[in-house]
Amino acid sequence: QVQLVESGGGLVQPGGSLRLSCAASGTVFSIGTMGWYRQAPGKQRELVATITDGGVTNYGDFVKGRFAISRDNAKKAVYLQMNSLQPEDTAVYYCNAEIRIWRLGIIIMQDYWGQGTQVTVSS
């Protein structure tokens, strides 16, 4: 069974940095777009960044050059380097991936989510 496992969240002071990691476990045929989303208390989940299997990236407007998404296809992993963190970046960050798997002899694409990792920016 395929799962996305996240790590790297925590408490950081304003202006600090964190690196989030997410790796897919289980047998996959291939992985398409991978990304990070976040959800703050009382707010809707929003896009942070995505990266295609070809390396094309897309960021939410609020990122403003502070974050960088990358991936390692051999490790089935995606990363989010977050710099210049501010209190408004406090949220649960979720990893997402479009993963192709074999199911009953055919290849299907399914959308997977990680369990979420808490990022808290506070002094």
PDB file of N, CA and C in Angstrom:
ATOM      1  N   GLN A   1       0.852  -1.193   0.000  1.00  0.00           N
ATOM      2  CA  GLN A   1       0.000   0.000   0.000  1.00  0.00           C
ATOM      3  C   GLN A   1       0.878   1.230   0.000  1.00  0.00           C
ATOM      4  N   VAL A   2       0.540   2.190  -0.837  1.00  0.00           N
ATOM      5  CA  VAL A   2       1.344   3.398  -0.959  1.00  0.00           C
ATOM      6  C   VAL A   2       0.962   4.397   0.117  1.00  0.00           C
ATOM      7  N   GLN A   3       1.970   4.982   0.718  1.00  0.00           N
ATOM      8  CA  GLN A   3       1.764   6.035   1.707  1.00  0.00           C
ATOM      9  C   GLN A   3       2.781   7.135   1.482  1.00  0.00           C
ATOM     10  N   LEU A   4       2.419   8.340   1.897  1.00  0.00           N
ATOM     11  CA  LEU A   4       3.345   9.469   1.914  1.00  0.00           C
ATOM     12  C   LEU A   4       3.687   9.749   3.366  1.00  0.00           C
ATOM     13  N   VAL A   5       4.971   9.765   3.663  1.00  0.00           N
ATOM     14  CA  VAL A   5       5.424   9.981   5.032  1.00  0.00           C
ATOM     15  C   VAL A   5       6.222  11.273   5.086  1.00  0.00           C
ATOM     16  N   GLU A   6       5.771  12.199   5.937  1.00  0.00           N
ATOM     17  CA  GLU A   6       6.384  13.518   6.041  1.00  0.00           C
ATOM     18  C   GLU A   6       7.254  13.604   7.289  1.00  0.00           C
ATOM     19  N   SER A   7       8.203  14.514   7.247  1.00  0.00           N
ATOM     20  CA  SER A   7       9.021  14.800   8.417  1.00  0.00           C
ATOM     21  C   SER A   7       9.593  16.206   8.276  1.00  0.00           C
ATOM     22  N   GLY A   8      10.077  16.744   9.396  1.00  0.00           N
ATOM     23  CA  GLY A   8      10.792  18.003   9.343  1.00  0.00           C
ATOM     24  C   GLY A   8      10.082  19.193   9.938  1.00  0.00           C
ATOM     25  N   GLY A   9       8.835  19.035  10.364  1.00  0.00           N
ATOM     26  CA  GLY A   9       8.139  20.161  10.974  1.00  0.00           C
ATOM     27  C   GLY A   9       8.690  20.457  12.359  1.00  0.00           C
ATOM     28  N   GLY A  10       8.176  21.523  12.957  1.00  0.00           N
ATOM     29  CA  GLY A  10       8.619  21.868  14.302  1.00  0.00           C
ATOM     30  C   GLY A  10       8.393  23.317  14.623  1.00  0.00           C
ATOM     31  N   LEU A  11       9.032  23.754  15.701  1.00  0.00           N
ATOM     32  CA  LEU A  11       8.926  25.135  16.172  1.00  0.00           C
ATOM     33  C   LEU A  11      10.176  25.890  15.750  1.00  0.00           C
ATOM     34  N   VAL A  12       9.981  27.063  15.182  1.00  0.00           N
ATOM     35  CA  VAL A  12      11.108  27.878  14.742  1.00  0.00           C
ATOM     36  C   VAL A  12      10.793  29.343  15.037  1.00  0.00           C
ATOM     37  N   GLN A  13      11.820  30.115  15.275  1.00  0.00           N
ATOM     38  CA  GLN A  13      11.631  31.542  15.528  1.00  0.00           C
ATOM     39  C   GLN A  13      11.427  32.303  14.218  1.00  0.00           C
ATOM     40  N   PRO A  14      10.755  33.454  14.275  1.00  0.00           N
ATOM     41  CA  PRO A  14      10.604  34.268  13.062  1.00  0.00           C
ATOM     42  C   PRO A  14      11.960  34.559  12.423  1.00  0.00           C
ATOM     43  N   GLY A  15      11.989  34.431  11.104  1.00  0.00           N
ATOM     44  CA  GLY A  15      13.230  34.603  10.370  1.00  0.00           C
ATOM     45  C   GLY A  15      14.025  33.325  10.204  1.00  0.00           C
ATOM     46  N   GLY A  16      13.601  32.275  10.865  1.00  0.00           N
ATOM     47  CA  GLY A  16      14.313  31.014  10.802  1.00  0.00           C
ATOM     48  C   GLY A  16      13.959  30.182   9.585  1.00  0.00           C
ATOM     49  N   SER A  17      14.524  28.974   9.547  1.00  0.00           N
ATOM     50  CA  SER A  17      14.342  28.081   8.408  1.00  0.00           C
ATOM     51  C   SER A  17      13.956  26.678   8.865  1.00  0.00           C
ATOM     52  N   LEU A  18      13.253  25.992   8.002  1.00  0.00           N
ATOM     53  CA  LEU A  18      12.930  24.586   8.190  1.00  0.00           C
ATOM     54  C   LEU A  18      12.959  23.888   6.839  1.00  0.00           C
ATOM     55  N   ARG A  19      13.254  22.604   6.866  1.00  0.00           N
ATOM     56  CA  ARG A  19      13.202  21.800   5.633  1.00  0.00           C
ATOM     57  C   ARG A  19      12.260  20.637   5.863  1.00  0.00           C
ATOM     58  N   LEU A  20      11.207  20.580   5.065  1.00  0.00           N
ATOM     59  CA  LEU A  20      10.249  19.482   5.136  1.00  0.00           C
ATOM     60  C   LEU A  20      10.617  18.423   4.105  1.00  0.00           C
ATOM     61  N   SER A  21      10.399  17.175   4.489  1.00  0.00           N
ATOM     62  CA  SER A  21      10.654  16.055   3.590  1.00  0.00           C
ATOM     63  C   SER A  21       9.411  15.185   3.509  1.00  0.00           C
ATOM     64  N   CYS A  22       9.229  14.547   2.371  1.00  0.00           N
ATOM     65  CA  CYS A  22       8.101  13.640   2.178  1.00  0.00           C
ATOM     66  C   CYS A  22       8.540  12.553   1.211  1.00  0.00           C
ATOM     67  N   ALA A  23       8.338  11.312   1.588  1.00  0.00           N
ATOM     68  CA  ALA A  23       8.726  10.208   0.726  1.00  0.00           C
ATOM     69  C   ALA A  23       7.569   9.229   0.585  1.00  0.00           C
ATOM     70  N   ALA A  24       7.456   8.680  -0.599  1.00  0.00           N
ATOM     71  CA  ALA A  24       6.425   7.681  -0.866  1.00  0.00           C
ATOM     72  C   ALA A  24       6.972   6.300  -0.522  1.00  0.00           C
ATOM     73  N   SER A  25       6.179   5.537   0.208  1.00  0.00           N
ATOM     74  CA  SER A  25       6.546   4.153   0.508  1.00  0.00           C
ATOM     75  C   SER A  25       5.617   3.224  -0.249  1.00  0.00           C
ATOM     76  N   GLY A  26       6.093   1.993  -0.502  1.00  0.00           N
ATOM     77  CA  GLY A  26       5.288   1.044  -1.245  1.00  0.00           C
ATOM     78  C   GLY A  26       5.694   1.001  -2.711  1.00  0.00           C
ATOM     79  N   THR A  27       5.058   0.132  -3.430  1.00  0.00           N
ATOM     80  CA  THR A  27       5.390  -0.066  -4.839  1.00  0.00           C
ATOM     81  C   THR A  27       4.601   0.887  -5.723  1.00  0.00           C
ATOM     82  N   VAL A  28       5.333   1.687  -6.511  1.00  0.00           N
ATOM     83  CA  VAL A  28       4.683   2.624  -7.419  1.00  0.00           C
ATOM     84  C   VAL A  28       5.191   2.388  -8.833  1.00  0.00           C
ATOM     85  N   PHE A  29       4.355   2.713  -9.815  1.00  0.00           N
ATOM     86  CA  PHE A  29       4.799   2.652 -11.210  1.00  0.00           C
ATOM     87  C   PHE A  29       5.557   3.921 -11.555  1.00  0.00           C
ATOM     88  N   SER A  30       4.984   5.058 -11.208  1.00  0.00           N
ATOM     89  CA  SER A  30       5.654   6.339 -11.405  1.00  0.00           C
ATOM     90  C   SER A  30       4.942   7.397 -10.570  1.00  0.00           C
ATOM     91  N   ILE A  31       5.624   8.532 -10.410  1.00  0.00           N
ATOM     92  CA  ILE A  31       5.053   9.644  -9.644  1.00  0.00           C
ATOM     93  C   ILE A  31       5.006  10.880 -10.518  1.00  0.00           C
ATOM     94  N   GLY A  32       3.858  11.490 -10.596  1.00  0.00           N
ATOM     95  CA  GLY A  32       3.719  12.710 -11.368  1.00  0.00           C
ATOM     96  C   GLY A  32       4.023  13.924 -10.512  1.00  0.00           C
ATOM     97  N   THR A  33       3.125  14.900 -10.557  1.00  0.00           N
ATOM     98  CA  THR A  33       3.332  16.120  -9.786  1.00  0.00           C
ATOM     99  C   THR A  33       3.297  15.840  -8.287  1.00  0.00           C
ATOM    100  N   MET A  34       4.250  16.445  -7.590  1.00  0.00           N
ATOM    101  CA  MET A  34       4.300  16.381  -6.137  1.00  0.00           C
ATOM    102  C   MET A  34       4.202  17.804  -5.606  1.00  0.00           C
ATOM    103  N   GLY A  35       3.706  17.935  -4.388  1.00  0.00           N
ATOM    104  CA  GLY A  35       3.566  19.292  -3.883  1.00  0.00           C
ATOM    105  C   GLY A  35       3.346  19.353  -2.389  1.00  0.00           C
ATOM    106  N   TRP A  36       3.288  20.596  -1.929  1.00  0.00           N
ATOM    107  CA  TRP A  36       3.023  20.894  -0.525  1.00  0.00           C
ATOM    108  C   TRP A  36       1.842  21.863  -0.446  1.00  0.00           C
ATOM    109  N   TYR A  37       0.974  21.587   0.502  1.00  0.00           N
ATOM    110  CA  TYR A  37      -0.150  22.452   0.814  1.00  0.00           C
ATOM    111  C   TYR A  37      -0.103  22.715   2.311  1.00  0.00           C
ATOM    112  N   ARG A  38      -0.818  23.749   2.727  1.00  0.00           N
ATOM    113  CA  ARG A  38      -0.864  24.017   4.158  1.00  0.00           C
ATOM    114  C   ARG A  38      -2.259  24.457   4.568  1.00  0.00           C
ATOM    115  N   GLN A  39      -2.539  24.252   5.841  1.00  0.00           N
ATOM    116  CA  GLN A  39      -3.833  24.661   6.388  1.00  0.00           C
ATOM    117  C   GLN A  39      -3.626  25.224   7.777  1.00  0.00           C
ATOM    118  N   ALA A  40      -3.962  26.485   7.933  1.00  0.00           N
ATOM    119  CA  ALA A  40      -3.891  27.137   9.239  1.00  0.00           C
ATOM    120  C   ALA A  40      -5.252  27.012   9.923  1.00  0.00           C
ATOM    121  N   PRO A  41      -5.294  27.109  11.245  1.00  0.00           N
ATOM    122  CA  PRO A  41      -6.571  26.997  11.967  1.00  0.00           C
ATOM    123  C   PRO A  41      -7.595  27.992  11.443  1.00  0.00           C
ATOM    124  N   GLY A  42      -8.787  27.496  11.134  1.00  0.00           N
ATOM    125  CA  GLY A  42      -9.855  28.358  10.672  1.00  0.00           C
ATOM    126  C   GLY A  42      -9.748  28.799   9.229  1.00  0.00           C
ATOM    127  N   LYS A  43      -8.763  28.292   8.501  1.00  0.00           N
ATOM    128  CA  LYS A  43      -8.571  28.680   7.106  1.00  0.00           C
ATOM    129  C   LYS A  43      -8.634  27.465   6.197  1.00  0.00           C
ATOM    130  N   GLN A  44      -8.852  27.733   4.912  1.00  0.00           N
ATOM    131  CA  GLN A  44      -8.877  26.652   3.939  1.00  0.00           C
ATOM    132  C   GLN A  44      -7.457  26.206   3.600  1.00  0.00           C
ATOM    133  N   ARG A  45      -7.354  24.976   3.154  1.00  0.00           N
ATOM    134  CA  ARG A  45      -6.061  24.466   2.713  1.00  0.00           C
ATOM    135  C   ARG A  45      -5.642  25.243   1.461  1.00  0.00           C
ATOM    136  N   GLU A  46      -4.365  25.625   1.397  1.00  0.00           N
ATOM    137  CA  GLU A  46      -3.879  26.397   0.260  1.00  0.00           C
ATOM    138  C   GLU A  46      -2.602  25.818  -0.311  1.00  0.00           C
ATOM    139  N   LEU A  47      -2.377  26.101  -1.572  1.00  0.00           N
ATOM    140  CA  LEU A  47      -1.182  25.637  -2.250  1.00  0.00           C
ATOM    141  C   LEU A  47       0.049  26.369  -1.732  1.00  0.00           C
ATOM    142  N   VAL A  48       1.085  25.615  -1.442  1.00  0.00           N
ATOM    143  CA  VAL A  48       2.379  26.201  -1.112  1.00  0.00           C
ATOM    144  C   VAL A  48       3.289  26.126  -2.346  1.00  0.00           C
ATOM    145  N   ALA A  49       3.470  24.912  -2.848  1.00  0.00           N
ATOM    146  CA  ALA A  49       4.332  24.729  -4.017  1.00  0.00           C
ATOM    147  C   ALA A  49       4.089  23.362  -4.628  1.00  0.00           C
ATOM    148  N   THR A  50       4.275  23.280  -5.941  1.00  0.00           N
ATOM    149  CA  THR A  50       4.230  21.997  -6.633  1.00  0.00           C
ATOM    150  C   THR A  50       5.428  21.882  -7.569  1.00  0.00           C
ATOM    151  N   ILE A  51       5.745  20.642  -7.900  1.00  0.00           N
ATOM    152  CA  ILE A  51       6.830  20.380  -8.852  1.00  0.00           C
ATOM    153  C   ILE A  51       6.436  19.183  -9.704  1.00  0.00           C
ATOM    154  N   THR A  52       6.531  19.325 -11.009  1.00  0.00           N
ATOM    155  CA  THR A  52       6.174  18.235 -11.907  1.00  0.00           C
ATOM    156  C   THR A  52       7.302  17.209 -11.971  1.00  0.00           C
ATOM    157  N   ASP A  53       7.039  16.095 -12.599  1.00  0.00           N
ATOM    158  CA  ASP A  53       8.087  15.083 -12.736  1.00  0.00           C
ATOM    159  C   ASP A  53       9.207  15.570 -13.647  1.00  0.00           C
ATOM    160  N   GLY A  54       8.927  16.620 -14.400  1.00  0.00           N
ATOM    161  CA  GLY A  54       9.957  17.220 -15.237  1.00  0.00           C
ATOM    162  C   GLY A  54      10.691  18.362 -14.571  1.00  0.00           C
ATOM    163  N   GLY A  55      10.306  18.683 -13.339  1.00  0.00           N
ATOM    164  CA  GLY A  55      10.998  19.717 -12.577  1.00  0.00           C
ATOM    165  C   GLY A  55      10.417  21.111 -12.685  1.00  0.00           C
ATOM    166  N   VAL A  56       9.266  21.260 -13.297  1.00  0.00           N
ATOM    167  CA  VAL A  56       8.634  22.578 -13.392  1.00  0.00           C
ATOM    168  C   VAL A  56       7.957  22.894 -12.060  1.00  0.00           C
ATOM    169  N   THR A  57       8.248  24.057 -11.520  1.00  0.00           N
ATOM    170  CA  THR A  57       7.742  24.420 -10.201  1.00  0.00           C
ATOM    171  C   THR A  57       6.680  25.513 -10.277  1.00  0.00           C
ATOM    172  N   ASN A  58       5.849  25.545  -9.238  1.00  0.00           N
ATOM    173  CA  ASN A  58       4.810  26.557  -9.107  1.00  0.00           C
ATOM    174  C   ASN A  58       4.668  26.869  -7.631  1.00  0.00           C
ATOM    175  N   TYR A  59       4.520  28.149  -7.296  1.00  0.00           N
ATOM    176  CA  TYR A  59       4.448  28.552  -5.898  1.00  0.00           C
ATOM    177  C   TYR A  59       3.216  29.407  -5.629  1.00  0.00           C
ATOM    178  N   GLY A  60       2.740  29.322  -4.395  1.00  0.00           N
ATOM    179  CA  GLY A  60       1.704  30.220  -3.966  1.00  0.00           C
ATOM    180  C   GLY A  60       2.228  31.650  -3.910  1.00  0.00           C
ATOM    181  N   ASP A  61       1.335  32.610  -4.109  1.00  0.00           N
ATOM    182  CA  ASP A  61       1.750  34.013  -4.174  1.00  0.00           C
ATOM    183  C   ASP A  61       2.449  34.470  -2.894  1.00  0.00           C
ATOM    184  N   PHE A  62       2.076  33.916  -1.775  1.00  0.00           N
ATOM    185  CA  PHE A  62       2.615  34.368  -0.494  1.00  0.00           C
ATOM    186  C   PHE A  62       4.069  33.921  -0.290  1.00  0.00           C
ATOM    187  N   VAL A  63       4.537  32.997  -1.105  1.00  0.00           N
ATOM    188  CA  VAL A  63       5.895  32.464  -0.912  1.00  0.00           C
ATOM    189  C   VAL A  63       6.952  33.537  -1.159  1.00  0.00           C
ATOM    190  N   LYS A  64       6.805  34.301  -2.229  1.00  0.00           N
ATOM    191  CA  LYS A  64       7.655  35.464  -2.519  1.00  0.00           C
ATOM    192  C   LYS A  64       9.143  35.150  -2.414  1.00  0.00           C
ATOM    193  N   GLY A  65       9.544  34.019  -3.002  1.00  0.00           N
ATOM    194  CA  GLY A  65      10.955  33.691  -3.068  1.00  0.00           C
ATOM    195  C   GLY A  65      11.548  33.129  -1.792  1.00  0.00           C
ATOM    196  N   ARG A  66      10.735  32.898  -0.781  1.00  0.00           N
ATOM    197  CA  ARG A  66      11.266  32.404   0.501  1.00  0.00           C
ATOM    198  C   ARG A  66      11.407  30.895   0.549  1.00  0.00           C
ATOM    199  N   PHE A  67      10.597  30.174  -0.221  1.00  0.00           N
ATOM    200  CA  PHE A  67      10.580  28.712  -0.178  1.00  0.00           C
ATOM    201  C   PHE A  67      11.111  28.149  -1.488  1.00  0.00           C
ATOM    202  N   ALA A  68      11.629  26.925  -1.412  1.00  0.00           N
ATOM    203  CA  ALA A  68      12.087  26.238  -2.616  1.00  0.00           C
ATOM    204  C   ALA A  68      11.671  24.774  -2.545  1.00  0.00           C
ATOM    205  N   ILE A  69      10.990  24.308  -3.572  1.00  0.00           N
ATOM    206  CA  ILE A  69      10.579  22.907  -3.634  1.00  0.00           C
ATOM    207  C   ILE A  69      11.549  22.154  -4.545  1.00  0.00           C
ATOM    208  N   SER A  70      11.834  20.926  -4.180  1.00  0.00           N
ATOM    209  CA  SER A  70      12.696  20.079  -4.999  1.00  0.00           C
ATOM    210  C   SER A  70      12.249  18.630  -4.827  1.00  0.00           C
ATOM    211  N   ARG A  71      12.760  17.760  -5.685  1.00  0.00           N
ATOM    212  CA  ARG A  71      12.384  16.352  -5.582  1.00  0.00           C
ATOM    213  C   ARG A  71      13.561  15.475  -5.976  1.00  0.00           C
ATOM    214  N   ASP A  72      13.508  14.249  -5.473  1.00  0.00           N
ATOM    215  CA  ASP A  72      14.489  13.230  -5.823  1.00  0.00           C
ATOM    216  C   ASP A  72      13.689  12.041  -6.318  1.00  0.00           C
ATOM    217  N   ASN A  73      13.640  11.863  -7.615  1.00  0.00           N
ATOM    218  CA  ASN A  73      12.792  10.817  -8.186  1.00  0.00           C
ATOM    219  C   ASN A  73      13.268   9.421  -7.778  1.00  0.00           C
ATOM    220  N   ALA A  74      14.555   9.248  -7.629  1.00  0.00           N
ATOM    221  CA  ALA A  74      15.072   7.932  -7.232  1.00  0.00           C
ATOM    222  C   ALA A  74      14.617   7.560  -5.824  1.00  0.00           C
ATOM    223  N   LYS A  75      14.463   8.560  -4.969  1.00  0.00           N
ATOM    224  CA  LYS A  75      14.034   8.303  -3.589  1.00  0.00           C
ATOM    225  C   LYS A  75      12.529   8.470  -3.432  1.00  0.00           C
ATOM    226  N   LYS A  76      11.835   8.805  -4.526  1.00  0.00           N
ATOM    227  CA  LYS A  76      10.386   9.027  -4.472  1.00  0.00           C
ATOM    228  C   LYS A  76      10.057  10.079  -3.420  1.00  0.00           C
ATOM    229  N   ALA A  77      10.846  11.150  -3.407  1.00  0.00           N
ATOM    230  CA  ALA A  77      10.736  12.137  -2.345  1.00  0.00           C
ATOM    231  C   ALA A  77      10.596  13.552  -2.892  1.00  0.00           C
ATOM    232  N   VAL A  78       9.963  14.388  -2.076  1.00  0.00           N
ATOM    233  CA  VAL A  78       9.849  15.812  -2.360  1.00  0.00           C
ATOM    234  C   VAL A  78      10.234  16.569  -1.101  1.00  0.00           C
ATOM    235  N   TYR A  79      10.841  17.739  -1.311  1.00  0.00           N
ATOM    236  CA  TYR A  79      11.335  18.529  -0.194  1.00  0.00           C
ATOM    237  C   TYR A  79      10.824  19.963  -0.308  1.00  0.00           C
ATOM    238  N   LEU A  80      10.748  20.627   0.842  1.00  0.00           N
ATOM    239  CA  LEU A  80      10.384  22.033   0.859  1.00  0.00           C
ATOM    240  C   LEU A  80      11.340  22.751   1.805  1.00  0.00           C
ATOM    241  N   GLN A  81      12.205  23.565   1.238  1.00  0.00           N
ATOM    242  CA  GLN A  81      13.087  24.392   2.036  1.00  0.00           C
ATOM    243  C   GLN A  81      12.390  25.721   2.287  1.00  0.00           C
ATOM    244  N   MET A  82      12.189  26.032   3.558  1.00  0.00           N
ATOM    245  CA  MET A  82      11.473  27.252   3.921  1.00  0.00           C
ATOM    246  C   MET A  82      12.417  28.178   4.683  1.00  0.00           C
ATOM    247  N   ASN A  83      12.611  29.363   4.148  1.00  0.00           N
ATOM    248  CA  ASN A  83      13.465  30.367   4.762  1.00  0.00           C
ATOM    249  C   ASN A  83      12.643  31.599   5.125  1.00  0.00           C
ATOM    250  N   SER A  84      13.215  32.448   5.963  1.00  0.00           N
ATOM    251  CA  SER A  84      12.546  33.690   6.371  1.00  0.00           C
ATOM    252  C   SER A  84      11.116  33.435   6.838  1.00  0.00           C
ATOM    253  N   LEU A  85      10.946  32.432   7.663  1.00  0.00           N
ATOM    254  CA  LEU A  85       9.614  32.064   8.136  1.00  0.00           C
ATOM    255  C   LEU A  85       9.043  33.145   9.038  1.00  0.00           C
ATOM    256  N   GLN A  86       7.746  33.329   8.915  1.00  0.00           N
ATOM    257  CA  GLN A  86       7.024  34.338   9.689  1.00  0.00           C
ATOM    258  C   GLN A  86       5.876  33.673  10.440  1.00  0.00           C
ATOM    259  N   PRO A  87       5.357  34.310  11.477  1.00  0.00           N
ATOM    260  CA  PRO A  87       4.248  33.713  12.240  1.00  0.00           C
ATOM    261  C   PRO A  87       3.061  33.319  11.361  1.00  0.00           C
ATOM    262  N   GLU A  88       2.825  34.047  10.293  1.00  0.00           N
ATOM    263  CA  GLU A  88       1.693  33.710   9.423  1.00  0.00           C
ATOM    264  C   GLU A  88       1.930  32.443   8.606  1.00  0.00           C
ATOM    265  N   ASP A  89       3.131  31.900   8.662  1.00  0.00           N
ATOM    266  CA  ASP A  89       3.417  30.619   8.025  1.00  0.00           C
ATOM    267  C   ASP A  89       3.049  29.436   8.911  1.00  0.00           C
ATOM    268  N   THR A  90       2.625  29.721  10.116  1.00  0.00           N
ATOM    269  CA  THR A  90       2.222  28.661  11.029  1.00  0.00           C
ATOM    270  C   THR A  90       1.013  27.920  10.471  1.00  0.00           C
ATOM    271  N   ALA A  91       1.149  26.611  10.342  1.00  0.00           N
ATOM    272  CA  ALA A  91       0.091  25.792   9.751  1.00  0.00           C
ATOM    273  C   ALA A  91       0.512  24.323   9.806  1.00  0.00           C
ATOM    274  N   VAL A  92      -0.426  23.460   9.467  1.00  0.00           N
ATOM    275  CA  VAL A  92      -0.090  22.066   9.197  1.00  0.00           C
ATOM    276  C   VAL A  92       0.224  21.969   7.710  1.00  0.00           C
ATOM    277  N   TYR A  93       1.380  21.424   7.401  1.00  0.00           N
ATOM    278  CA  TYR A  93       1.823  21.300   6.018  1.00  0.00           C
ATOM    279  C   TYR A  93       1.611  19.857   5.556  1.00  0.00           C
ATOM    280  N   TYR A  94       0.969  19.722   4.397  1.00  0.00           N
ATOM    281  CA  TYR A  94       0.628  18.410   3.859  1.00  0.00           C
ATOM    282  C   TYR A  94       1.370  18.172   2.540  1.00  0.00           C
ATOM    283  N   CYS A  95       1.894  16.997   2.416  1.00  0.00           N
ATOM    284  CA  CYS A  95       2.510  16.549   1.170  1.00  0.00           C
ATOM    285  C   CYS A  95       1.424  15.924   0.284  1.00  0.00           C
ATOM    286  N   ASN A  96       1.547  16.121  -1.013  1.00  0.00           N
ATOM    287  CA  ASN A  96       0.600  15.576  -1.970  1.00  0.00           C
ATOM    288  C   ASN A  96       1.352  15.031  -3.175  1.00  0.00           C
ATOM    289  N   ALA A  97       0.846  13.935  -3.743  1.00  0.00           N
ATOM    290  CA  ALA A  97       1.499  13.383  -4.926  1.00  0.00           C
ATOM    291  C   ALA A  97       0.492  12.643  -5.792  1.00  0.00           C
ATOM    292  N   GLU A  98       0.686  12.769  -7.100  1.00  0.00           N
ATOM    293  CA  GLU A  98      -0.081  11.987  -8.073  1.00  0.00           C
ATOM    294  C   GLU A  98       0.759  10.748  -8.378  1.00  0.00           C
ATOM    295  N   ILE A  99       0.257   9.612  -7.981  1.00  0.00           N
ATOM    296  CA  ILE A  99       1.051   8.387  -8.070  1.00  0.00           C
ATOM    297  C   ILE A  99       0.345   7.359  -8.943  1.00  0.00           C
ATOM    298  N   ARG A 100       1.095   6.802  -9.877  1.00  0.00           N
ATOM    299  CA  ARG A 100       0.564   5.740 -10.734  1.00  0.00           C
ATOM    300  C   ARG A 100       0.945   4.400 -10.124  1.00  0.00           C
ATOM    301  N   ILE A 101      -0.061   3.545  -9.979  1.00  0.00           N
ATOM    302  CA  ILE A 101       0.149   2.219  -9.402  1.00  0.00           C
ATOM    303  C   ILE A 101      -0.499   1.167 -10.293  1.00  0.00           C
ATOM    304  N   TRP A 102      -0.059  -0.064 -10.120  1.00  0.00           N
ATOM    305  CA  TRP A 102      -0.696  -1.183 -10.805  1.00  0.00           C
ATOM    306  C   TRP A 102      -1.914  -1.603  -9.979  1.00  0.00           C
ATOM    307  N   ARG A 103      -3.002  -1.757 -10.616  1.00  0.00           N
ATOM    308  CA  ARG A 103      -4.211  -2.216  -9.916  1.00  0.00           C
ATOM    309  C   ARG A 103      -4.961  -3.136 -10.859  1.00  0.00           C
ATOM    310  N   LEU A 104      -5.009  -4.413 -10.520  1.00  0.00           N
ATOM    311  CA  LEU A 104      -5.730  -5.426 -11.305  1.00  0.00           C
ATOM    312  C   LEU A 104      -5.270  -5.432 -12.767  1.00  0.00           C
ATOM    313  N   GLY A 105      -3.977  -5.321 -12.940  1.00  0.00           N
ATOM    314  CA  GLY A 105      -3.402  -5.458 -14.272  1.00  0.00           C
ATOM    315  C   GLY A 105      -3.362  -4.201 -15.106  1.00  0.00           C
ATOM    316  N   ILE A 106      -3.842  -3.085 -14.578  1.00  0.00           N
ATOM    317  CA  ILE A 106      -3.787  -1.838 -15.321  1.00  0.00           C
ATOM    318  C   ILE A 106      -3.137  -0.780 -14.448  1.00  0.00           C
ATOM    319  N   ILE A 107      -2.675   0.279 -15.109  1.00  0.00           N
ATOM    320  CA  ILE A 107      -2.055   1.382 -14.377  1.00  0.00           C
ATOM    321  C   ILE A 107      -3.106   2.455 -14.133  1.00  0.00           C
ATOM    322  N   ILE A 108      -3.251   2.844 -12.881  1.00  0.00           N
ATOM    323  CA  ILE A 108      -4.178   3.907 -12.541  1.00  0.00           C
ATOM    324  C   ILE A 108      -3.425   4.984 -11.781  1.00  0.00           C
ATOM    325  N   MET A 109      -3.940   6.217 -11.866  1.00  0.00           N
ATOM    326  CA  MET A 109      -3.347   7.308 -11.114  1.00  0.00           C
ATOM    327  C   MET A 109      -4.248   7.653  -9.936  1.00  0.00           C
ATOM    328  N   GLN A 110      -3.613   7.767  -8.785  1.00  0.00           N
ATOM    329  CA  GLN A 110      -4.359   8.154  -7.598  1.00  0.00           C
ATOM    330  C   GLN A 110      -3.668   9.328  -6.919  1.00  0.00           C
ATOM    331  N   ASP A 111      -4.461  10.097  -6.227  1.00  0.00           N
ATOM    332  CA  ASP A 111      -3.977  11.269  -5.515  1.00  0.00           C
ATOM    333  C   ASP A 111      -3.757  10.881  -4.051  1.00  0.00           C
ATOM    334  N   TYR A 112      -2.550  11.105  -3.557  1.00  0.00           N
ATOM    335  CA  TYR A 112      -2.222  10.720  -2.184  1.00  0.00           C
ATOM    336  C   TYR A 112      -1.870  11.953  -1.357  1.00  0.00           C
ATOM    337  N   TRP A 113      -2.197  11.878  -0.065  1.00  0.00           N
ATOM    338  CA  TRP A 113      -1.859  12.920   0.891  1.00  0.00           C
ATOM    339  C   TRP A 113      -1.095  12.335   2.062  1.00  0.00           C
ATOM    340  N   GLY A 114      -0.156  13.108   2.570  1.00  0.00           N
ATOM    341  CA  GLY A 114       0.513  12.726   3.799  1.00  0.00           C
ATOM    342  C   GLY A 114      -0.357  13.057   4.996  1.00  0.00           C
ATOM    343  N   GLN A 115       0.136  12.695   6.175  1.00  0.00           N
ATOM    344  CA  GLN A 115      -0.644  12.885   7.396  1.00  0.00           C
ATOM    345  C   GLN A 115      -0.551  14.309   7.922  1.00  0.00           C
ATOM    346  N   GLY A 116       0.374  15.075   7.403  1.00  0.00           N
ATOM    347  CA  GLY A 116       0.538  16.456   7.836  1.00  0.00           C
ATOM    348  C   GLY A 116       1.626  16.591   8.880  1.00  0.00           C
ATOM    349  N   THR A 117       2.346  17.698   8.808  1.00  0.00           N
ATOM    350  CA  THR A 117       3.371  17.994   9.806  1.00  0.00           C
ATOM    351  C   THR A 117       3.200  19.441  10.254  1.00  0.00           C
ATOM    352  N   GLN A 118       3.237  19.647  11.556  1.00  0.00           N
ATOM    353  CA  GLN A 118       2.988  20.976  12.112  1.00  0.00           C
ATOM    354  C   GLN A 118       4.221  21.852  11.989  1.00  0.00           C
ATOM    355  N   VAL A 119       4.028  23.054  11.495  1.00  0.00           N
ATOM    356  CA  VAL A 119       5.069  24.081  11.477  1.00  0.00           C
ATOM    357  C   VAL A 119       4.557  25.253  12.300  1.00  0.00           C
ATOM    358  N   THR A 120       5.297  25.612  13.327  1.00  0.00           N
ATOM    359  CA  THR A 120       4.927  26.720  14.188  1.00  0.00           C
ATOM    360  C   THR A 120       6.049  27.733  14.196  1.00  0.00           C
ATOM    361  N   VAL A 121       5.715  28.979  13.856  1.00  0.00           N
ATOM    362  CA  VAL A 121       6.702  30.058  13.840  1.00  0.00           C
ATOM    363  C   VAL A 121       6.336  31.033  14.952  1.00  0.00           C
ATOM    364  N   SER A 122       7.167  31.069  15.957  1.00  0.00           N
ATOM    365  CA  SER A 122       6.859  31.887  17.125  1.00  0.00           C
ATOM    366  C   SER A 122       8.130  32.203  17.883  1.00  0.00           C
ATOM    367  N   SER A 123       8.130  33.376  18.498  1.00  0.00           N
ATOM    368  CA  SER A 123       9.266  33.734  19.344  1.00  0.00           C
ATOM    369  C   SER A 123       8.998  33.371  20.795  1.00  0.00           C
TER     370      SER A 123
END
